[in-house]
């Protein structure tokens, strides 16, 4: 308990520093200060949140809850208190690196390395929209405490690039291996957007969610949620040949999301931006 109170007291100062970092990154070429949301589809309605890098740790409160050090190393964004013991309430009570202060969600991805040296992220951006086959007015806010994983940390072959991959800019197509970038390297991960309407998590941490198609959400997962596309920005590495992730090769790219948004703020963003088909 004493350790956790110390983390919470420090969170406010950490969040202030991180938000300054987000603002600095957003003005860089290829940073978060873009004029259009990522991969725009047939709908205009969308909003995005820029979240600075918070910390790195070998923790995963979704896959290894209550087991500190049990995971490969992750880079955490958003909620500043994220550790193996985190739950939605503790995240909401803590600080955030996000420019939208009511976004207390935790976003994380495996740490990127060049050989033995960790590549510290420049920041991240979370894009929220209606998927192409989903009516914007049908989209509901994420339930408080929902968790999601996208991408395969055990992959040995190329993953679908519409779900996870790399790019140099928001507008560039996603590719399976990091391209040669002049300013910023982006990891881009798109999460499933259809919920079964009952479970905040599942045994495999995936089955409670599904991806929509051009016909919308499947009957098994009838609740349309925002389609979250998460970008992590890195400085371009000197050698792409030595790049790998803490989870393994570059092919193991993935990301996790633990929803701890202020429910009222998230509901407003979804209604006003996505539901009204307006870019916020």
C-alpha atoms as a PDB file:
ATOM      1  CA  UNK A   1       0.000   0.000   0.000  1.00  0.00           C
ATOM      2  CA  UNK A   2       2.842   2.438   0.852  1.00  0.00           C
ATOM      3  CA  UNK A   3       4.479   1.824  -2.529  1.00  0.00           C
ATOM      4  CA  UNK A   4       1.223   2.394  -4.408  1.00  0.00           C
ATOM      5  CA  UNK A   5       0.503   5.670  -2.552  1.00  0.00           C
ATOM      6  CA  UNK A   6       3.995   6.828  -3.488  1.00  0.00           C
ATOM      7  CA  UNK A   7       3.327   6.020  -7.150  1.00  0.00           C
ATOM      8  CA  UNK A   8       0.050   7.931  -7.085  1.00  0.00           C
ATOM      9  CA  UNK A   9       1.619  11.001  -5.434  1.00  0.00           C
ATOM     10  CA  UNK A  10       4.337  11.060  -8.084  1.00  0.00           C
ATOM     11  CA  UNK A  11       1.907  10.576 -10.954  1.00  0.00           C
ATOM     12  CA  UNK A  12       0.838  14.215 -11.184  1.00  0.00           C
ATOM     13  CA  UNK A  13       4.382  15.467 -11.676  1.00  0.00           C
ATOM     14  CA  UNK A  14       5.167  12.687 -14.146  1.00  0.00           C
ATOM     15  CA  UNK A  15       2.031  13.421 -16.159  1.00  0.00           C
ATOM     16  CA  UNK A  16       2.917  17.120 -16.448  1.00  0.00           C
ATOM     17  CA  UNK A  17       6.363  16.294 -17.810  1.00  0.00           C
ATOM     18  CA  UNK A  18       4.911  13.710 -20.199  1.00  0.00           C
ATOM     19  CA  UNK A  19       2.299  16.075 -21.634  1.00  0.00           C
ATOM     20  CA  UNK A  20       5.056  18.585 -22.411  1.00  0.00           C
ATOM     21  CA  UNK A  21       6.829  15.744 -24.211  1.00  0.00           C
ATOM     22  CA  UNK A  22       3.689  14.960 -26.226  1.00  0.00           C
ATOM     23  CA  UNK A  23       3.438  18.586 -27.342  1.00  0.00           C
ATOM     24  CA  UNK A  24       7.078  18.592 -28.438  1.00  0.00           C
ATOM     25  CA  UNK A  25       6.708  15.325 -30.384  1.00  0.00           C
ATOM     26  CA  UNK A  26       3.468  16.447 -32.037  1.00  0.00           C
ATOM     27  CA  UNK A  27       5.211  19.329 -33.783  1.00  0.00           C
ATOM     28  CA  UNK A  28       7.915  17.138 -35.318  1.00  0.00           C
ATOM     29  CA  UNK A  29       7.694  15.884 -38.915  1.00  0.00           C
ATOM     30  CA  UNK A  30       5.582  12.752 -38.933  1.00  0.00           C
ATOM     31  CA  UNK A  31       4.415  13.446 -35.368  1.00  0.00           C
ATOM     32  CA  UNK A  32       0.910  13.573 -33.974  1.00  0.00           C
ATOM     33  CA  UNK A  33      -0.024  17.023 -35.322  1.00  0.00           C
ATOM     34  CA  UNK A  34      -1.758  15.630 -38.412  1.00  0.00           C
ATOM     35  CA  UNK A  35      -4.809  17.215 -40.014  1.00  0.00           C
ATOM     36  CA  UNK A  36      -6.630  13.983 -40.786  1.00  0.00           C
ATOM     37  CA  UNK A  37      -7.208  10.855 -38.759  1.00  0.00           C
ATOM     38  CA  UNK A  38      -5.289   7.710 -39.566  1.00  0.00           C
ATOM     39  CA  UNK A  39      -6.502   5.587 -42.481  1.00  0.00           C
ATOM     40  CA  UNK A  40      -9.690   7.581 -43.080  1.00  0.00           C
ATOM     41  CA  UNK A  41     -12.590   5.521 -44.407  1.00  0.00           C
ATOM     42  CA  UNK A  42     -16.070   6.470 -45.598  1.00  0.00           C
ATOM     43  CA  UNK A  43     -16.922   8.244 -42.323  1.00  0.00           C
ATOM     44  CA  UNK A  44     -15.711  11.653 -41.192  1.00  0.00           C
ATOM     45  CA  UNK A  45     -16.496  11.122 -37.504  1.00  0.00           C
ATOM     46  CA  UNK A  46     -13.374  10.530 -35.458  1.00  0.00           C
ATOM     47  CA  UNK A  47     -11.199  11.929 -32.690  1.00  0.00           C
ATOM     48  CA  UNK A  48      -7.653  11.331 -31.574  1.00  0.00           C
ATOM     49  CA  UNK A  49      -5.648  11.634 -28.376  1.00  0.00           C
ATOM     50  CA  UNK A  50      -1.888  12.160 -28.098  1.00  0.00           C
ATOM     51  CA  UNK A  51      -0.290  10.358 -25.156  1.00  0.00           C
ATOM     52  CA  UNK A  52       3.354  10.647 -24.124  1.00  0.00           C
ATOM     53  CA  UNK A  53       5.627   7.782 -23.189  1.00  0.00           C
ATOM     54  CA  UNK A  54       5.261   7.030 -19.479  1.00  0.00           C
ATOM     55  CA  UNK A  55       7.554   4.140 -18.523  1.00  0.00           C
ATOM     56  CA  UNK A  56       8.755   0.645 -19.421  1.00  0.00           C
ATOM     57  CA  UNK A  57       8.397  -2.501 -17.324  1.00  0.00           C
ATOM     58  CA  UNK A  58       8.153  -6.292 -17.730  1.00  0.00           C
ATOM     59  CA  UNK A  59       4.505  -6.156 -16.629  1.00  0.00           C
ATOM     60  CA  UNK A  60       1.160  -6.929 -18.290  1.00  0.00           C
ATOM     61  CA  UNK A  61      -1.968  -6.414 -16.151  1.00  0.00           C
ATOM     62  CA  UNK A  62      -4.119  -8.178 -18.774  1.00  0.00           C
ATOM     63  CA  UNK A  63      -2.138 -11.371 -19.447  1.00  0.00           C
ATOM     64  CA  UNK A  64      -0.226 -11.560 -16.138  1.00  0.00           C
ATOM     65  CA  UNK A  65      -2.333  -9.698 -13.561  1.00  0.00           C
ATOM     66  CA  UNK A  66      -0.707  -9.581 -10.128  1.00  0.00           C
ATOM     67  CA  UNK A  67       2.561 -11.060 -11.466  1.00  0.00           C
ATOM     68  CA  UNK A  68       5.203  -8.328 -11.670  1.00  0.00           C
ATOM     69  CA  UNK A  69       8.094  -9.182 -13.983  1.00  0.00           C
ATOM     70  CA  UNK A  70       6.259 -12.096 -15.616  1.00  0.00           C
ATOM     71  CA  UNK A  71       5.968 -10.486 -19.055  1.00  0.00           C
ATOM     72  CA  UNK A  72       8.380  -9.327 -21.712  1.00  0.00           C
ATOM     73  CA  UNK A  73       9.104  -5.608 -21.422  1.00  0.00           C
ATOM     74  CA  UNK A  74       6.433  -3.144 -22.518  1.00  0.00           C
ATOM     75  CA  UNK A  75       6.378   0.600 -23.152  1.00  0.00           C
ATOM     76  CA  UNK A  76       3.400   2.212 -21.445  1.00  0.00           C
ATOM     77  CA  UNK A  77       1.443   5.290 -22.534  1.00  0.00           C
ATOM     78  CA  UNK A  78      -1.532   7.075 -21.005  1.00  0.00           C
ATOM     79  CA  UNK A  79      -2.111   6.016 -17.404  1.00  0.00           C
ATOM     80  CA  UNK A  80       1.071   6.652 -15.428  1.00  0.00           C
ATOM     81  CA  UNK A  81       0.463   4.088 -12.677  1.00  0.00           C
ATOM     82  CA  UNK A  82       0.183   1.005 -14.890  1.00  0.00           C
ATOM     83  CA  UNK A  83       1.821  -2.076 -13.407  1.00  0.00           C
ATOM     84  CA  UNK A  84       0.995  -5.732 -12.886  1.00  0.00           C
ATOM     85  CA  UNK A  85      -1.543  -4.864 -10.180  1.00  0.00           C
ATOM     86  CA  UNK A  86      -3.501  -2.263 -12.164  1.00  0.00           C
ATOM     87  CA  UNK A  87      -7.253  -2.354 -12.577  1.00  0.00           C
ATOM     88  CA  UNK A  88      -9.612   0.192 -14.117  1.00  0.00           C
ATOM     89  CA  UNK A  89     -10.265   1.967 -10.822  1.00  0.00           C
ATOM     90  CA  UNK A  90      -6.572   2.389  -9.982  1.00  0.00           C
ATOM     91  CA  UNK A  91      -5.857   3.688 -13.486  1.00  0.00           C
ATOM     92  CA  UNK A  92      -8.696   6.216 -13.267  1.00  0.00           C
ATOM     93  CA  UNK A  93      -7.418   7.406  -9.888  1.00  0.00           C
ATOM     94  CA  UNK A  94      -3.909   8.025 -11.207  1.00  0.00           C
ATOM     95  CA  UNK A  95      -2.324  10.445 -13.645  1.00  0.00           C
ATOM     96  CA  UNK A  96      -2.078  10.355 -17.417  1.00  0.00           C
ATOM     97  CA  UNK A  97       0.387  11.356 -20.110  1.00  0.00           C
ATOM     98  CA  UNK A  98      -2.476  12.042 -22.514  1.00  0.00           C
ATOM     99  CA  UNK A  99      -3.211  15.571 -23.713  1.00  0.00           C
ATOM    100  CA  UNK A 100      -6.889  14.857 -23.054  1.00  0.00           C
ATOM    101  CA  UNK A 101      -6.725  14.729 -19.281  1.00  0.00           C
ATOM    102  CA  UNK A 102      -9.833  12.538 -18.922  1.00  0.00           C
ATOM    103  CA  UNK A 103      -8.146   9.759 -20.884  1.00  0.00           C
ATOM    104  CA  UNK A 104      -6.809   7.573 -18.082  1.00  0.00           C
ATOM    105  CA  UNK A 105      -6.722   4.467 -20.283  1.00  0.00           C
ATOM    106  CA  UNK A 106      -3.513   2.481 -20.465  1.00  0.00           C
ATOM    107  CA  UNK A 107      -1.989   1.682 -23.842  1.00  0.00           C
ATOM    108  CA  UNK A 108       1.118  -0.452 -24.226  1.00  0.00           C
ATOM    109  CA  UNK A 109       3.309  -2.209 -26.788  1.00  0.00           C
ATOM    110  CA  UNK A 110       6.464  -4.355 -26.564  1.00  0.00           C
ATOM    111  CA  UNK A 111       9.657  -2.343 -26.217  1.00  0.00           C
ATOM    112  CA  UNK A 112      11.650  -1.844 -29.413  1.00  0.00           C
ATOM    113  CA  UNK A 113      15.393  -2.555 -29.421  1.00  0.00           C
ATOM    114  CA  UNK A 114      18.321  -1.978 -31.763  1.00  0.00           C
ATOM    115  CA  UNK A 115      20.581  -4.813 -30.744  1.00  0.00           C
ATOM    116  CA  UNK A 116      20.830  -4.501 -26.945  1.00  0.00           C
ATOM    117  CA  UNK A 117      19.832  -0.827 -26.840  1.00  0.00           C
ATOM    118  CA  UNK A 118      16.208   0.135 -26.200  1.00  0.00           C
ATOM    119  CA  UNK A 119      14.676   2.651 -28.610  1.00  0.00           C
ATOM    120  CA  UNK A 120      12.769   5.085 -26.409  1.00  0.00           C
ATOM    121  CA  UNK A 121       9.421   6.075 -27.967  1.00  0.00           C
ATOM    122  CA  UNK A 122       8.745   9.672 -28.943  1.00  0.00           C
ATOM    123  CA  UNK A 123       5.069   9.360 -28.047  1.00  0.00           C
ATOM    124  CA  UNK A 124       1.832   7.788 -29.202  1.00  0.00           C
ATOM    125  CA  UNK A 125      -1.496   8.679 -30.765  1.00  0.00           C
ATOM    126  CA  UNK A 126      -4.786   6.849 -30.318  1.00  0.00           C
ATOM    127  CA  UNK A 127      -7.336   7.311 -33.118  1.00  0.00           C
ATOM    128  CA  UNK A 128     -11.011   6.526 -32.504  1.00  0.00           C
ATOM    129  CA  UNK A 129     -13.561   6.180 -35.338  1.00  0.00           C
ATOM    130  CA  UNK A 130     -16.381   4.073 -36.731  1.00  0.00           C
ATOM    131  CA  UNK A 131     -15.112   1.162 -38.806  1.00  0.00           C
ATOM    132  CA  UNK A 132     -15.903   1.254 -42.512  1.00  0.00           C
ATOM    133  CA  UNK A 133     -18.880  -1.120 -42.335  1.00  0.00           C
ATOM    134  CA  UNK A 134     -20.389   0.315 -39.152  1.00  0.00           C
ATOM    135  CA  UNK A 135     -22.942   3.124 -38.975  1.00  0.00           C
ATOM    136  CA  UNK A 136     -21.478   5.945 -36.849  1.00  0.00           C
ATOM    137  CA  UNK A 137     -24.739   6.342 -34.915  1.00  0.00           C
ATOM    138  CA  UNK A 138     -24.506   2.684 -33.834  1.00  0.00           C
ATOM    139  CA  UNK A 139     -21.131   3.102 -32.112  1.00  0.00           C
ATOM    140  CA  UNK A 140     -21.204   2.909 -28.321  1.00  0.00           C
ATOM    141  CA  UNK A 141     -18.414   3.982 -25.939  1.00  0.00           C
ATOM    142  CA  UNK A 142     -16.085   1.335 -24.543  1.00  0.00           C
ATOM    143  CA  UNK A 143     -17.437  -0.091 -21.283  1.00  0.00           C
ATOM    144  CA  UNK A 144     -15.342   0.925 -18.297  1.00  0.00           C
ATOM    145  CA  UNK A 145     -12.705  -1.738 -17.642  1.00  0.00           C
ATOM    146  CA  UNK A 146     -12.790  -3.338 -21.105  1.00  0.00           C
ATOM    147  CA  UNK A 147      -9.454  -4.826 -22.189  1.00  0.00           C
ATOM    148  CA  UNK A 148      -8.265  -5.648 -25.708  1.00  0.00           C
ATOM    149  CA  UNK A 149      -5.199  -7.095 -27.418  1.00  0.00           C
ATOM    150  CA  UNK A 150      -4.385  -6.809 -31.118  1.00  0.00           C
ATOM    151  CA  UNK A 151      -1.510  -8.517 -32.870  1.00  0.00           C
ATOM    152  CA  UNK A 152       0.251 -11.790 -32.111  1.00  0.00           C
ATOM    153  CA  UNK A 153       3.254 -11.726 -29.723  1.00  0.00           C
ATOM    154  CA  UNK A 154       4.119 -15.292 -30.796  1.00  0.00           C
ATOM    155  CA  UNK A 155       3.964 -14.710 -34.561  1.00  0.00           C
ATOM    156  CA  UNK A 156       6.629 -16.327 -36.722  1.00  0.00           C
ATOM    157  CA  UNK A 157       5.130 -15.238 -40.046  1.00  0.00           C
ATOM    158  CA  UNK A 158       3.784 -11.946 -41.359  1.00  0.00           C
ATOM    159  CA  UNK A 159       0.625 -10.689 -39.653  1.00  0.00           C
ATOM    160  CA  UNK A 160      -2.224  -8.978 -41.570  1.00  0.00           C
ATOM    161  CA  UNK A 161      -0.970  -5.447 -42.226  1.00  0.00           C
ATOM    162  CA  UNK A 162      -4.493  -4.043 -41.867  1.00  0.00           C
ATOM    163  CA  UNK A 163      -4.236  -5.063 -38.194  1.00  0.00           C
ATOM    164  CA  UNK A 164      -0.575  -4.448 -37.315  1.00  0.00           C
ATOM    165  CA  UNK A 165       2.502  -3.140 -39.076  1.00  0.00           C
ATOM    166  CA  UNK A 166       4.934  -0.295 -39.649  1.00  0.00           C
ATOM    167  CA  UNK A 167       4.997   2.985 -41.562  1.00  0.00           C
ATOM    168  CA  UNK A 168       6.897   6.262 -41.775  1.00  0.00           C
ATOM    169  CA  UNK A 169       3.859   8.590 -41.720  1.00  0.00           C
ATOM    170  CA  UNK A 170       0.168   8.477 -40.882  1.00  0.00           C
ATOM    171  CA  UNK A 171      -0.715   8.609 -44.582  1.00  0.00           C
ATOM    172  CA  UNK A 172       1.706   5.881 -45.722  1.00  0.00           C
ATOM    173  CA  UNK A 173       0.497   2.284 -46.146  1.00  0.00           C
ATOM    174  CA  UNK A 174       1.267  -0.151 -43.341  1.00  0.00           C
ATOM    175  CA  UNK A 175       3.936  -2.743 -44.128  1.00  0.00           C
ATOM    176  CA  UNK A 176       5.083  -5.843 -42.267  1.00  0.00           C
ATOM    177  CA  UNK A 177       8.682  -4.735 -41.620  1.00  0.00           C
ATOM    178  CA  UNK A 178       9.978  -1.315 -40.540  1.00  0.00           C
ATOM    179  CA  UNK A 179      10.681   0.803 -43.638  1.00  0.00           C
ATOM    180  CA  UNK A 180      13.571   3.221 -44.043  1.00  0.00           C
ATOM    181  CA  UNK A 181      12.137   6.412 -42.525  1.00  0.00           C
ATOM    182  CA  UNK A 182      13.644   9.875 -42.619  1.00  0.00           C
ATOM    183  CA  UNK A 183      11.939  11.402 -39.583  1.00  0.00           C
ATOM    184  CA  UNK A 184       9.723   9.038 -37.597  1.00  0.00           C
ATOM    185  CA  UNK A 185       9.056   5.297 -37.503  1.00  0.00           C
ATOM    186  CA  UNK A 186       5.494   4.323 -36.591  1.00  0.00           C
ATOM    187  CA  UNK A 187       4.131   1.075 -35.185  1.00  0.00           C
ATOM    188  CA  UNK A 188       0.430   0.962 -36.127  1.00  0.00           C
ATOM    189  CA  UNK A 189      -2.028  -1.435 -34.480  1.00  0.00           C
ATOM    190  CA  UNK A 190      -5.785  -1.579 -35.151  1.00  0.00           C
ATOM    191  CA  UNK A 191      -7.961  -3.213 -32.499  1.00  0.00           C
ATOM    192  CA  UNK A 192     -11.178  -5.205 -32.974  1.00  0.00           C
ATOM    193  CA  UNK A 193     -14.315  -3.066 -32.712  1.00  0.00           C
ATOM    194  CA  UNK A 194     -17.198  -5.473 -31.987  1.00  0.00           C
ATOM    195  CA  UNK A 195     -18.035  -6.582 -28.426  1.00  0.00           C
ATOM    196  CA  UNK A 196     -20.107  -9.537 -27.229  1.00  0.00           C
ATOM    197  CA  UNK A 197     -21.966  -7.174 -24.892  1.00  0.00           C
ATOM    198  CA  UNK A 198     -21.230  -9.189 -21.742  1.00  0.00           C
ATOM    199  CA  UNK A 199     -17.557  -9.715 -20.913  1.00  0.00           C
ATOM    200  CA  UNK A 200     -14.877  -7.115 -20.202  1.00  0.00           C
ATOM    201  CA  UNK A 201     -12.270  -9.820 -20.770  1.00  0.00           C
ATOM    202  CA  UNK A 202     -12.115 -13.476 -21.787  1.00  0.00           C
ATOM    203  CA  UNK A 203      -9.873 -16.438 -21.019  1.00  0.00           C
ATOM    204  CA  UNK A 204      -7.729 -15.814 -24.100  1.00  0.00           C
ATOM    205  CA  UNK A 205      -8.207 -12.019 -23.774  1.00  0.00           C
ATOM    206  CA  UNK A 206      -9.584 -11.974 -27.338  1.00  0.00           C
ATOM    207  CA  UNK A 207     -12.805 -13.972 -27.649  1.00  0.00           C
ATOM    208  CA  UNK A 208     -15.000 -11.260 -26.152  1.00  0.00           C
ATOM    209  CA  UNK A 209     -14.080  -9.055 -29.130  1.00  0.00           C
ATOM    210  CA  UNK A 210     -14.374  -9.462 -32.924  1.00  0.00           C
ATOM    211  CA  UNK A 211     -13.674  -7.388 -36.009  1.00  0.00           C
ATOM    212  CA  UNK A 212     -16.393  -5.837 -38.104  1.00  0.00           C
ATOM    213  CA  UNK A 213     -16.751  -6.436 -41.837  1.00  0.00           C
ATOM    214  CA  UNK A 214     -18.391  -4.429 -44.601  1.00  0.00           C
ATOM    215  CA  UNK A 215     -21.675  -5.782 -43.213  1.00  0.00           C
ATOM    216  CA  UNK A 216     -21.011  -4.474 -39.709  1.00  0.00           C
ATOM    217  CA  UNK A 217     -20.611  -6.496 -36.503  1.00  0.00           C
ATOM    218  CA  UNK A 218     -21.343 -10.245 -36.381  1.00  0.00           C
ATOM    219  CA  UNK A 219     -24.351 -11.565 -34.464  1.00  0.00           C
ATOM    220  CA  UNK A 220     -22.013 -13.137 -31.908  1.00  0.00           C
ATOM    221  CA  UNK A 221     -20.539  -9.702 -31.102  1.00  0.00           C
ATOM    222  CA  UNK A 222     -23.397  -7.298 -31.831  1.00  0.00           C
ATOM    223  CA  UNK A 223     -22.192  -4.169 -29.995  1.00  0.00           C
ATOM    224  CA  UNK A 224     -20.265  -1.735 -32.195  1.00  0.00           C
ATOM    225  CA  UNK A 225     -17.488   0.087 -30.335  1.00  0.00           C
ATOM    226  CA  UNK A 226     -15.019   2.683 -31.635  1.00  0.00           C
ATOM    227  CA  UNK A 227     -12.366   1.229 -33.900  1.00  0.00           C
ATOM    228  CA  UNK A 228      -9.133   2.103 -32.096  1.00  0.00           C
ATOM    229  CA  UNK A 229      -5.985   2.543 -34.165  1.00  0.00           C
ATOM    230  CA  UNK A 230      -2.945   3.017 -31.953  1.00  0.00           C
ATOM    231  CA  UNK A 231       0.342   4.480 -33.201  1.00  0.00           C
ATOM    232  CA  UNK A 232       3.672   4.453 -31.380  1.00  0.00           C
ATOM    233  CA  UNK A 233       6.300   6.839 -32.783  1.00  0.00           C
ATOM    234  CA  UNK A 234      10.036   6.144 -32.567  1.00  0.00           C
ATOM    235  CA  UNK A 235      13.114   7.975 -33.816  1.00  0.00           C
ATOM    236  CA  UNK A 236      14.308   6.217 -36.984  1.00  0.00           C
ATOM    237  CA  UNK A 237      16.955   3.632 -36.033  1.00  0.00           C
ATOM    238  CA  UNK A 238      20.463   3.704 -37.468  1.00  0.00           C
ATOM    239  CA  UNK A 239      20.259   0.024 -38.382  1.00  0.00           C
ATOM    240  CA  UNK A 240      17.004  -1.700 -39.263  1.00  0.00           C
ATOM    241  CA  UNK A 241      18.837  -5.021 -39.488  1.00  0.00           C
ATOM    242  CA  UNK A 242      19.260  -5.120 -35.697  1.00  0.00           C
ATOM    243  CA  UNK A 243      15.692  -4.116 -34.848  1.00  0.00           C
ATOM    244  CA  UNK A 244      13.660  -6.470 -32.704  1.00  0.00           C
ATOM    245  CA  UNK A 245      10.939  -6.317 -30.075  1.00  0.00           C
ATOM    246  CA  UNK A 246      11.016  -7.459 -26.464  1.00  0.00           C
ATOM    247  CA  UNK A 247       8.485 -10.121 -27.495  1.00  0.00           C
ATOM    248  CA  UNK A 248      10.780 -11.457 -30.225  1.00  0.00           C
ATOM    249  CA  UNK A 249      11.260 -10.560 -33.879  1.00  0.00           C
ATOM    250  CA  UNK A 250       9.616  -7.576 -35.570  1.00  0.00           C
ATOM    251  CA  UNK A 251       6.863  -9.988 -36.662  1.00  0.00           C
ATOM    252  CA  UNK A 252       5.618 -10.210 -33.043  1.00  0.00           C
ATOM    253  CA  UNK A 253       4.322  -6.616 -32.997  1.00  0.00           C
ATOM    254  CA  UNK A 254       1.165  -6.123 -30.928  1.00  0.00           C
ATOM    255  CA  UNK A 255      -0.488  -3.703 -28.521  1.00  0.00           C
ATOM    256  CA  UNK A 256      -2.826  -3.759 -25.514  1.00  0.00           C
ATOM    257  CA  UNK A 257      -5.578  -1.427 -24.318  1.00  0.00           C
ATOM    258  CA  UNK A 258      -7.121  -1.165 -20.829  1.00  0.00           C
ATOM    259  CA  UNK A 259     -10.052   1.243 -20.796  1.00  0.00           C
ATOM    260  CA  UNK A 260     -10.095   3.657 -17.879  1.00  0.00           C
ATOM    261  CA  UNK A 261     -11.420   6.741 -19.686  1.00  0.00           C
ATOM    262  CA  UNK A 262     -13.615   9.014 -17.635  1.00  0.00           C
ATOM    263  CA  UNK A 263     -16.950   7.471 -18.757  1.00  0.00           C
ATOM    264  CA  UNK A 264     -18.770  10.780 -19.209  1.00  0.00           C
ATOM    265  CA  UNK A 265     -15.981  12.297 -21.313  1.00  0.00           C
ATOM    266  CA  UNK A 266     -15.648   9.215 -23.513  1.00  0.00           C
ATOM    267  CA  UNK A 267     -19.408   9.031 -24.062  1.00  0.00           C
ATOM    268  CA  UNK A 268     -19.413  12.686 -25.113  1.00  0.00           C
ATOM    269  CA  UNK A 269     -16.522  12.213 -27.567  1.00  0.00           C
ATOM    270  CA  UNK A 270     -18.204   9.189 -29.139  1.00  0.00           C
ATOM    271  CA  UNK A 271     -21.571  10.932 -29.450  1.00  0.00           C
ATOM    272  CA  UNK A 272     -20.353  14.332 -30.655  1.00  0.00           C
ATOM    273  CA  UNK A 273     -17.497  13.217 -32.907  1.00  0.00           C
ATOM    274  CA  UNK A 274     -18.252   9.693 -34.139  1.00  0.00           C
ATOM    275  CA  UNK A 275     -22.040   9.741 -33.771  1.00  0.00           C
ATOM    276  CA  UNK A 276     -22.395  13.149 -35.468  1.00  0.00           C
ATOM    277  CA  UNK A 277     -19.878  12.101 -38.165  1.00  0.00           C
ATOM    278  CA  UNK A 278     -17.622  15.040 -37.338  1.00  0.00           C
ATOM    279  CA  UNK A 279     -13.828  15.220 -37.123  1.00  0.00           C
ATOM    280  CA  UNK A 280     -12.895  16.602 -33.712  1.00  0.00           C
END
